[in-house]
Structures are given as structure tokens and as C-alpha cells.
């Protein structure tokens, strides 16, 4: 009989609550489930977990924690920078609730900004800024072509 890990853990928890030792639990599991029963090391580890008042049968989350670099955080930080250019990283990290390192990452990598004197400024122009500059440049060029004398100083 093959069972899911969580089902074995439920049995281990039940037998532990009955007062059975790790060895007794392993013997009972082996008698009923044979080779598909969890190893003694696994039984012992879960008995120790349940003795430490663990209630969950699920595995702990493995790997890196969920990232703080979410679109909500990026937008919130961007708005804070646009409101106050002279803001400190610490002043951003505290209200957003993420580390200063993550704030630096969002500013430099996600928002492509850098600290220039005491102000945060975009490193590159956004598409809107480029479009506005191009339209202004074209308008000035047309104005120059129509009436060059307005632009020349004699």
C-alpha cells in the first residue's frame, strides 16, 4: 500500500500522541506498509517535530523566500521617489516593509535609477519623455525652417 507523505505524517503524529516511541512507530508502520513505510530517520525527525508542538503536517517552504520585488512594491517605491526626490533608502524601506537591500535593487535594477547628489533620478529617459523631447525638437526645427531670422543674433 503506497501512501502520500502527509498521510504517513498523520499516522506518526497519532501514534506519537498515543505515547509510542519512534522505534515502536517504525515497527508498526513497517508491519502494515512494508517497504513503502518511511525510514526510521524520517519517523524520528517527525516525532521530534511533533514533540516540539508542531501541528502542521505539511512540508516547510523550501528554497528562497518569496521576493519583495513585486509590481506593487515597485510602483509604491516609484511613487515615493516621484513625490520626494531627496528620500533616503531607509525612509523607503520602513513604510514599504522590505529590506534596504531590496529597495536598492528595485531602484537600480527595476526602476533603472541612480543617486545623483542627494536626489534619485532616472538613468534613462522613459518612452514618454523621449516622445515629448522628439515632438518639441521637431516643432522647434519646423519653426527654425519657417523663419530663420528669429533664431539668428546679428
N, C-alpha and C. Protein backbone atom coordinates (compact mmCIF):
# COMPACT_ATOMS: atom_id res chain seq x y z
N UNK A 1 0.85 -1.18 0.00
CA UNK A 1 0.00 0.00 0.00
C UNK A 1 0.89 1.24 0.00
N UNK A 2 0.75 2.07 -1.02
CA UNK A 2 1.54 3.30 -1.15
C UNK A 2 0.68 4.47 -0.70
N UNK A 3 1.24 5.30 0.17
CA UNK A 3 0.51 6.46 0.68
C UNK A 3 1.32 7.73 0.44
N UNK A 4 0.64 8.85 0.57
CA UNK A 4 1.30 10.14 0.48
C UNK A 4 2.08 10.41 1.76
N UNK A 5 3.12 11.24 1.65
CA UNK A 5 3.94 11.60 2.81
C UNK A 5 3.09 12.17 3.94
N UNK A 6 2.14 13.02 3.58
CA UNK A 6 1.34 13.69 4.60
C UNK A 6 0.49 12.68 5.39
N UNK A 7 0.07 11.60 4.71
CA UNK A 7 -0.71 10.56 5.40
C UNK A 7 0.17 9.81 6.40
N UNK A 8 1.41 9.51 6.02
CA UNK A 8 2.33 8.88 6.96
C UNK A 8 2.56 9.79 8.17
N UNK A 9 2.70 11.07 7.90
CA UNK A 9 2.93 12.02 9.00
C UNK A 9 1.75 12.05 9.96
N UNK A 10 0.53 11.95 9.42
CA UNK A 10 -0.65 11.92 10.28
C UNK A 10 -0.64 10.70 11.18
N UNK A 11 -0.23 9.56 10.63
CA UNK A 11 -0.14 8.33 11.44
C UNK A 11 0.94 8.48 12.50
N UNK A 12 2.10 9.02 12.10
CA UNK A 12 3.20 9.23 13.06
C UNK A 12 2.73 10.16 14.17
N UNK A 13 2.02 11.21 13.82
CA UNK A 13 1.52 12.15 14.83
C UNK A 13 0.55 11.46 15.78
N UNK A 14 -0.37 10.67 15.23
CA UNK A 14 -1.35 9.96 16.05
C UNK A 14 -0.67 8.99 17.01
N UNK A 15 0.25 8.16 16.46
CA UNK A 15 0.93 7.18 17.32
C UNK A 15 1.81 7.87 18.36
N UNK A 16 2.39 9.00 18.01
CA UNK A 16 3.19 9.77 18.97
C UNK A 16 2.30 10.28 20.09
N UNK A 17 1.11 10.78 19.74
CA UNK A 17 0.18 11.27 20.76
C UNK A 17 -0.30 10.14 21.67
N UNK A 18 -0.35 8.91 21.14
CA UNK A 18 -0.72 7.75 21.96
C UNK A 18 0.39 7.38 22.93
N UNK A 19 1.59 7.92 22.70
CA UNK A 19 2.71 7.65 23.60
C UNK A 19 3.73 6.67 23.06
N UNK A 20 3.60 6.27 21.81
CA UNK A 20 4.55 5.34 21.22
C UNK A 20 5.89 6.04 20.96
N UNK A 21 6.97 5.28 21.05
CA UNK A 21 8.30 5.81 20.76
C UNK A 21 8.55 5.76 19.25
N UNK A 22 9.61 6.39 18.82
CA UNK A 22 9.97 6.38 17.39
C UNK A 22 10.16 4.95 16.90
N UNK A 23 10.82 4.13 17.70
CA UNK A 23 11.08 2.73 17.32
C UNK A 23 9.77 1.97 17.18
N UNK A 24 8.86 2.14 18.14
CA UNK A 24 7.57 1.44 18.08
C UNK A 24 6.76 1.89 16.85
N UNK A 25 6.81 3.18 16.57
CA UNK A 25 6.08 3.70 15.41
C UNK A 25 6.65 3.11 14.12
N UNK A 26 7.98 3.04 14.01
CA UNK A 26 8.62 2.48 12.81
C UNK A 26 8.25 1.02 12.65
N UNK A 27 8.21 0.27 13.74
CA UNK A 27 7.86 -1.16 13.67
C UNK A 27 6.42 -1.33 13.18
N UNK A 28 5.51 -0.52 13.73
CA UNK A 28 4.10 -0.61 13.31
C UNK A 28 3.92 -0.22 11.85
N UNK A 29 4.57 0.85 11.43
CA UNK A 29 4.47 1.27 10.04
C UNK A 29 5.06 0.21 9.10
N UNK A 30 6.20 -0.36 9.49
CA UNK A 30 6.83 -1.41 8.69
C UNK A 30 5.96 -2.65 8.58
N UNK A 31 5.27 -3.01 9.67
CA UNK A 31 4.41 -4.20 9.66
C UNK A 31 3.22 -4.01 8.71
N UNK A 32 2.68 -2.81 8.67
CA UNK A 32 1.49 -2.56 7.84
C UNK A 32 1.87 -2.20 6.41
N UNK A 33 2.85 -1.33 6.22
CA UNK A 33 3.15 -0.79 4.89
C UNK A 33 4.40 -1.38 4.24
N UNK A 34 5.15 -2.18 4.95
CA UNK A 34 6.31 -2.84 4.38
C UNK A 34 7.38 -1.87 3.91
N UNK A 35 7.87 -2.09 2.68
CA UNK A 35 8.95 -1.28 2.12
C UNK A 35 8.55 0.16 1.81
N UNK A 36 7.25 0.41 1.68
CA UNK A 36 6.83 1.77 1.36
C UNK A 36 6.74 2.65 2.61
N UNK A 37 6.96 2.08 3.79
CA UNK A 37 6.93 2.86 5.04
C UNK A 37 8.13 3.80 5.08
N UNK A 38 7.98 4.96 5.73
CA UNK A 38 9.11 5.89 5.83
C UNK A 38 10.26 5.29 6.65
N UNK A 39 11.46 5.80 6.41
CA UNK A 39 12.64 5.30 7.12
C UNK A 39 12.58 5.68 8.60
N UNK A 40 13.42 5.02 9.39
CA UNK A 40 13.46 5.31 10.83
C UNK A 40 13.89 6.76 11.06
N UNK A 41 14.83 7.26 10.26
CA UNK A 41 15.29 8.64 10.41
C UNK A 41 14.14 9.62 10.18
N UNK A 42 13.31 9.32 9.20
CA UNK A 42 12.15 10.18 8.92
C UNK A 42 11.16 10.14 10.07
N UNK A 43 10.87 8.94 10.56
CA UNK A 43 9.94 8.79 11.70
C UNK A 43 10.48 9.55 12.90
N UNK A 44 11.76 9.38 13.18
CA UNK A 44 12.38 10.03 14.34
C UNK A 44 12.31 11.56 14.21
N UNK A 45 12.58 12.07 13.00
CA UNK A 45 12.54 13.52 12.78
C UNK A 45 11.14 14.06 13.00
N UNK A 46 10.12 13.37 12.49
CA UNK A 46 8.75 13.86 12.65
C UNK A 46 8.26 13.72 14.09
N UNK A 47 8.67 12.68 14.79
CA UNK A 47 8.32 12.56 16.21
C UNK A 47 8.91 13.73 16.98
N UNK A 48 10.16 14.08 16.67
CA UNK A 48 10.81 15.22 17.34
C UNK A 48 10.07 16.52 17.01
N UNK A 49 9.64 16.68 15.77
CA UNK A 49 8.88 17.87 15.38
C UNK A 49 7.57 17.96 16.17
N UNK A 50 6.86 16.85 16.27
CA UNK A 50 5.58 16.87 16.99
C UNK A 50 5.78 17.07 18.49
N UNK A 51 6.89 16.62 19.02
CA UNK A 51 7.19 16.86 20.44
C UNK A 51 7.50 18.33 20.70
N UNK A 52 7.94 19.05 19.65
CA UNK A 52 8.19 20.49 19.77
C UNK A 52 6.91 21.28 19.49
N UNK A 53 5.78 20.63 19.59
CA UNK A 53 4.46 21.24 19.42
C UNK A 53 4.15 21.65 17.99
N UNK A 54 4.75 21.00 17.04
CA UNK A 54 4.40 21.28 15.64
C UNK A 54 3.01 20.69 15.39
N UNK A 55 2.19 21.44 14.70
CA UNK A 55 0.84 20.97 14.40
C UNK A 55 0.65 20.67 12.92
N UNK A 56 1.38 21.36 12.07
CA UNK A 56 1.22 21.19 10.62
C UNK A 56 1.88 19.91 10.14
N UNK A 57 1.21 19.25 9.21
CA UNK A 57 1.77 18.04 8.60
C UNK A 57 2.49 18.37 7.29
N UNK A 58 2.30 19.56 6.80
CA UNK A 58 2.87 19.97 5.51
C UNK A 58 4.36 20.26 5.65
N UNK A 59 5.07 20.14 4.53
CA UNK A 59 6.49 20.48 4.49
C UNK A 59 6.65 21.98 4.68
N UNK A 60 7.79 22.37 5.26
CA UNK A 60 8.13 23.79 5.33
C UNK A 60 8.44 24.25 3.92
N UNK A 61 8.21 25.51 3.65
CA UNK A 61 8.56 26.06 2.35
C UNK A 61 10.06 25.93 2.15
N UNK A 62 10.46 25.43 1.01
CA UNK A 62 11.89 25.28 0.76
C UNK A 62 12.36 26.36 -0.19
N UNK A 63 13.66 26.53 -0.25
CA UNK A 63 14.23 27.50 -1.17
C UNK A 63 14.18 28.91 -0.63
N UNK A 64 14.32 29.83 -1.54
CA UNK A 64 14.35 31.24 -1.18
C UNK A 64 12.96 31.73 -0.78
N UNK A 65 12.91 32.69 0.11
CA UNK A 65 11.60 33.23 0.48
C UNK A 65 10.98 33.99 -0.68
N UNK A 66 9.68 34.24 -0.57
CA UNK A 66 9.03 34.99 -1.64
C UNK A 66 9.69 36.35 -1.77
N UNK A 67 9.76 36.79 -2.96
CA UNK A 67 10.51 38.02 -3.24
C UNK A 67 9.74 39.27 -2.85
N UNK A 68 10.48 40.28 -2.49
CA UNK A 68 9.88 41.58 -2.17
C UNK A 68 9.78 42.45 -3.41
N UNK A 69 10.32 41.94 -4.51
CA UNK A 69 10.31 42.71 -5.75
C UNK A 69 9.01 42.43 -6.50
N UNK A 70 7.91 42.93 -5.97
CA UNK A 70 6.61 42.76 -6.61
C UNK A 70 6.25 44.04 -7.36
N UNK A 71 5.31 43.93 -8.26
CA UNK A 71 4.90 45.12 -9.01
C UNK A 71 4.30 46.17 -8.08
N UNK A 72 3.59 45.72 -7.04
CA UNK A 72 3.03 46.68 -6.08
C UNK A 72 4.14 47.46 -5.37
N UNK A 73 5.18 46.73 -4.91
CA UNK A 73 6.29 47.40 -4.23
C UNK A 73 7.04 48.33 -5.17
N UNK A 74 7.24 47.89 -6.41
CA UNK A 74 7.94 48.73 -7.39
C UNK A 74 7.16 50.02 -7.63
N UNK A 75 5.84 49.89 -7.81
CA UNK A 75 5.02 51.07 -8.05
C UNK A 75 5.01 52.00 -6.83
N UNK A 76 4.92 51.40 -5.63
CA UNK A 76 4.90 52.21 -4.41
C UNK A 76 6.21 52.98 -4.24
N UNK A 77 7.33 52.30 -4.47
CA UNK A 77 8.64 52.94 -4.35
C UNK A 77 8.79 54.03 -5.41
N UNK A 78 8.36 53.75 -6.63
CA UNK A 78 8.45 54.74 -7.71
C UNK A 78 7.65 55.99 -7.34
N UNK A 79 6.46 55.80 -6.78
CA UNK A 79 5.64 56.94 -6.39
C UNK A 79 6.31 57.74 -5.27
N UNK A 80 6.93 57.04 -4.31
CA UNK A 80 7.63 57.72 -3.21
C UNK A 80 8.77 58.57 -3.76
N UNK A 81 9.51 58.03 -4.72
CA UNK A 81 10.64 58.75 -5.33
C UNK A 81 10.12 59.97 -6.10
N UNK A 82 9.03 59.80 -6.84
CA UNK A 82 8.49 60.92 -7.61
C UNK A 82 7.95 62.02 -6.69
N UNK A 83 7.42 61.63 -5.53
CA UNK A 83 6.91 62.62 -4.58
C UNK A 83 8.04 63.37 -3.89
N UNK A 84 9.08 62.64 -3.49
CA UNK A 84 10.19 63.24 -2.75
C UNK A 84 11.50 62.69 -3.31
N UNK A 85 12.18 63.47 -4.13
CA UNK A 85 13.42 63.00 -4.74
C UNK A 85 14.56 62.87 -3.74
N UNK A 86 14.50 63.59 -2.63
CA UNK A 86 15.58 63.56 -1.65
C UNK A 86 15.31 62.56 -0.53
N UNK A 87 14.65 61.48 -0.84
CA UNK A 87 14.28 60.49 0.16
C UNK A 87 15.43 59.50 0.35
N UNK A 88 15.58 59.01 1.57
CA UNK A 88 16.64 58.05 1.88
C UNK A 88 16.10 56.63 1.72
N UNK A 89 17.01 55.70 1.46
CA UNK A 89 16.62 54.31 1.28
C UNK A 89 15.91 53.79 2.53
N UNK A 90 16.41 54.15 3.69
CA UNK A 90 15.79 53.72 4.95
C UNK A 90 14.36 54.24 5.04
N UNK A 91 14.14 55.47 4.57
CA UNK A 91 12.81 56.08 4.61
C UNK A 91 11.84 55.41 3.64
N UNK A 92 12.37 54.70 2.67
CA UNK A 92 11.53 53.94 1.75
C UNK A 92 11.27 52.55 2.32
N UNK A 93 12.33 51.91 2.83
CA UNK A 93 12.23 50.52 3.29
C UNK A 93 11.24 50.35 4.43
N UNK A 94 11.24 51.28 5.39
CA UNK A 94 10.39 51.13 6.57
C UNK A 94 8.90 51.11 6.24
N UNK A 95 8.35 52.12 5.54
CA UNK A 95 6.91 52.07 5.27
C UNK A 95 6.49 50.95 4.30
N UNK A 96 7.38 50.61 3.36
CA UNK A 96 7.05 49.56 2.40
C UNK A 96 7.15 48.19 3.07
N UNK A 97 8.02 48.08 4.08
CA UNK A 97 8.16 46.82 4.82
C UNK A 97 9.07 45.82 4.16
N UNK A 98 10.09 46.31 3.45
CA UNK A 98 11.08 45.42 2.85
C UNK A 98 12.47 45.89 3.25
N UNK A 99 13.47 45.05 2.98
CA UNK A 99 14.83 45.37 3.39
C UNK A 99 15.41 46.51 2.54
N UNK A 100 16.43 47.17 3.10
CA UNK A 100 17.11 48.25 2.37
C UNK A 100 17.78 47.71 1.11
N UNK A 101 18.27 46.47 1.19
CA UNK A 101 18.92 45.85 0.04
C UNK A 101 17.93 45.69 -1.11
N UNK A 102 16.71 45.27 -0.80
CA UNK A 102 15.67 45.11 -1.82
C UNK A 102 15.28 46.45 -2.41
N UNK A 103 15.22 47.49 -1.57
CA UNK A 103 14.91 48.83 -2.07
C UNK A 103 15.98 49.26 -3.06
N UNK A 104 17.25 49.05 -2.71
CA UNK A 104 18.36 49.39 -3.63
C UNK A 104 18.21 48.64 -4.94
N UNK A 105 17.89 47.36 -4.86
CA UNK A 105 17.72 46.55 -6.07
C UNK A 105 16.60 47.11 -6.93
N UNK A 106 15.46 47.42 -6.32
CA UNK A 106 14.33 47.94 -7.07
C UNK A 106 14.69 49.27 -7.73
N UNK A 107 15.36 50.15 -6.98
CA UNK A 107 15.73 51.46 -7.52
C UNK A 107 16.70 51.34 -8.69
N UNK A 108 17.74 50.54 -8.52
CA UNK A 108 18.79 50.48 -9.54
C UNK A 108 18.47 49.53 -10.69
N UNK A 109 17.88 48.38 -10.39
CA UNK A 109 17.66 47.37 -11.43
C UNK A 109 16.28 47.46 -12.07
N UNK A 110 15.25 47.63 -11.26
CA UNK A 110 13.89 47.63 -11.79
C UNK A 110 13.49 49.01 -12.33
N UNK A 111 13.78 50.06 -11.57
CA UNK A 111 13.41 51.41 -11.98
C UNK A 111 14.53 52.11 -12.74
N UNK A 112 15.71 51.47 -12.80
CA UNK A 112 16.86 52.00 -13.53
C UNK A 112 17.17 53.43 -13.11
N UNK A 113 17.30 53.64 -11.79
CA UNK A 113 17.62 54.95 -11.25
C UNK A 113 18.98 54.90 -10.57
N UNK A 114 19.54 56.07 -10.36
CA UNK A 114 20.79 56.15 -9.60
C UNK A 114 20.75 57.41 -8.76
N UNK A 115 21.57 57.43 -7.73
CA UNK A 115 21.62 58.58 -6.84
C UNK A 115 22.55 59.61 -7.47
N UNK A 116 22.05 60.80 -7.68
CA UNK A 116 22.83 61.88 -8.26
C UNK A 116 22.78 63.01 -7.26
N UNK A 117 23.89 63.32 -6.65
CA UNK A 117 23.98 64.21 -5.49
C UNK A 117 23.05 63.65 -4.42
N UNK A 118 22.05 64.40 -4.00
CA UNK A 118 21.16 63.89 -2.96
C UNK A 118 19.80 63.52 -3.52
N UNK A 119 19.72 63.38 -4.86
CA UNK A 119 18.42 63.10 -5.48
C UNK A 119 18.47 61.82 -6.29
N UNK A 120 17.36 61.12 -6.32
CA UNK A 120 17.23 59.95 -7.17
C UNK A 120 16.70 60.42 -8.52
N UNK A 121 17.42 60.06 -9.58
CA UNK A 121 17.00 60.45 -10.92
C UNK A 121 17.02 59.23 -11.84
N UNK A 122 16.13 59.22 -12.82
CA UNK A 122 16.16 58.11 -13.78
C UNK A 122 17.45 58.15 -14.58
N UNK A 123 18.01 56.97 -14.83
CA UNK A 123 19.23 56.88 -15.62
C UNK A 123 18.94 57.17 -17.09
N UNK A 124 17.85 56.66 -17.56
CA UNK A 124 17.49 56.80 -18.96
C UNK A 124 16.12 57.46 -19.06
N UNK A 125 15.86 58.07 -20.18
CA UNK A 125 14.55 58.67 -20.39
C UNK A 125 13.52 57.57 -20.63
N UNK A 126 12.32 57.79 -20.14
CA UNK A 126 11.23 56.86 -20.42
C UNK A 126 10.75 57.09 -21.85
N UNK A 127 9.92 56.19 -22.34
CA UNK A 127 9.40 56.35 -23.71
C UNK A 127 8.61 57.64 -23.84
N UNK A 128 7.82 57.98 -22.82
CA UNK A 128 7.05 59.23 -22.86
C UNK A 128 7.97 60.44 -22.92
N UNK A 129 9.03 60.44 -22.11
CA UNK A 129 9.97 61.56 -22.11
C UNK A 129 10.67 61.69 -23.46
N UNK A 130 11.03 60.56 -24.06
CA UNK A 130 11.67 60.59 -25.39
C UNK A 130 10.70 61.16 -26.43
N UNK A 131 9.44 60.72 -26.37
CA UNK A 131 8.43 61.19 -27.31
C UNK A 131 8.21 62.70 -27.16
N UNK A 132 8.11 63.18 -25.93
CA UNK A 132 7.92 64.61 -25.68
C UNK A 132 9.10 65.41 -26.22
N UNK A 133 10.32 64.95 -25.94
CA UNK A 133 11.52 65.65 -26.44
C UNK A 133 11.56 65.67 -27.96
N UNK A 134 11.17 64.54 -28.57
CA UNK A 134 11.19 64.47 -30.02
C UNK A 134 10.17 65.44 -30.62
N UNK A 135 8.98 65.49 -30.05
CA UNK A 135 7.94 66.41 -30.54
C UNK A 135 8.38 67.87 -30.40
N UNK A 136 8.96 68.21 -29.26
CA UNK A 136 9.44 69.57 -29.05
C UNK A 136 10.55 69.91 -30.04
N UNK A 137 11.48 68.96 -30.25
CA UNK A 137 12.58 69.19 -31.20
C UNK A 137 12.07 69.38 -32.61
N UNK A 138 11.09 68.56 -33.02
CA UNK A 138 10.51 68.71 -34.36
C UNK A 138 9.82 70.06 -34.52
N UNK A 139 9.08 70.46 -33.48
CA UNK A 139 8.38 71.75 -33.54
C UNK A 139 9.38 72.90 -33.66
N UNK A 140 10.47 72.84 -32.89
CA UNK A 140 11.49 73.89 -32.96
C UNK A 140 12.18 73.90 -34.32
N UNK A 141 12.44 72.72 -34.87
CA UNK A 141 13.08 72.62 -36.18
C UNK A 141 12.18 73.21 -37.27
N UNK A 142 10.88 72.92 -37.22
CA UNK A 142 9.93 73.49 -38.18
C UNK A 142 9.88 75.01 -38.05
N UNK A 143 9.86 75.47 -36.80
CA UNK A 143 9.85 76.92 -36.55
C UNK A 143 11.11 77.58 -37.11
N UNK A 144 12.25 76.91 -36.95
CA UNK A 144 13.52 77.42 -37.46
C UNK A 144 13.50 77.48 -38.99
N UNK A 145 12.99 76.41 -39.62
CA UNK A 145 12.94 76.36 -41.09
C UNK A 145 12.04 77.44 -41.66
N UNK A 146 10.93 77.73 -40.95
CA UNK A 146 9.99 78.75 -41.43
C UNK A 146 10.56 80.15 -41.31
N UNK A 147 11.27 80.44 -40.25
CA UNK A 147 11.74 81.80 -40.01
C UNK A 147 13.10 81.77 -39.33
N UNK A 148 14.15 81.61 -40.15
CA UNK A 148 15.50 81.51 -39.62
C UNK A 148 15.95 82.78 -38.93
N UNK A 149 15.42 83.90 -39.33
CA UNK A 149 15.87 85.17 -38.75
C UNK A 149 15.51 85.30 -37.26
N UNK A 150 14.46 84.58 -36.83
CA UNK A 150 14.10 84.62 -35.40
C UNK A 150 15.17 83.97 -34.53
N UNK A 151 15.97 83.10 -35.12
CA UNK A 151 16.94 82.34 -34.35
C UNK A 151 18.35 82.91 -34.44
N UNK A 152 18.59 83.79 -35.40
CA UNK A 152 19.94 84.33 -35.58
C UNK A 152 20.10 85.65 -34.83
N UNK A 153 21.22 85.77 -34.18
CA UNK A 153 21.55 87.01 -33.49
C UNK A 153 22.63 87.71 -34.30
N UNK A 154 22.36 88.95 -34.72
CA UNK A 154 23.34 89.70 -35.52
C UNK A 154 24.01 90.77 -34.71
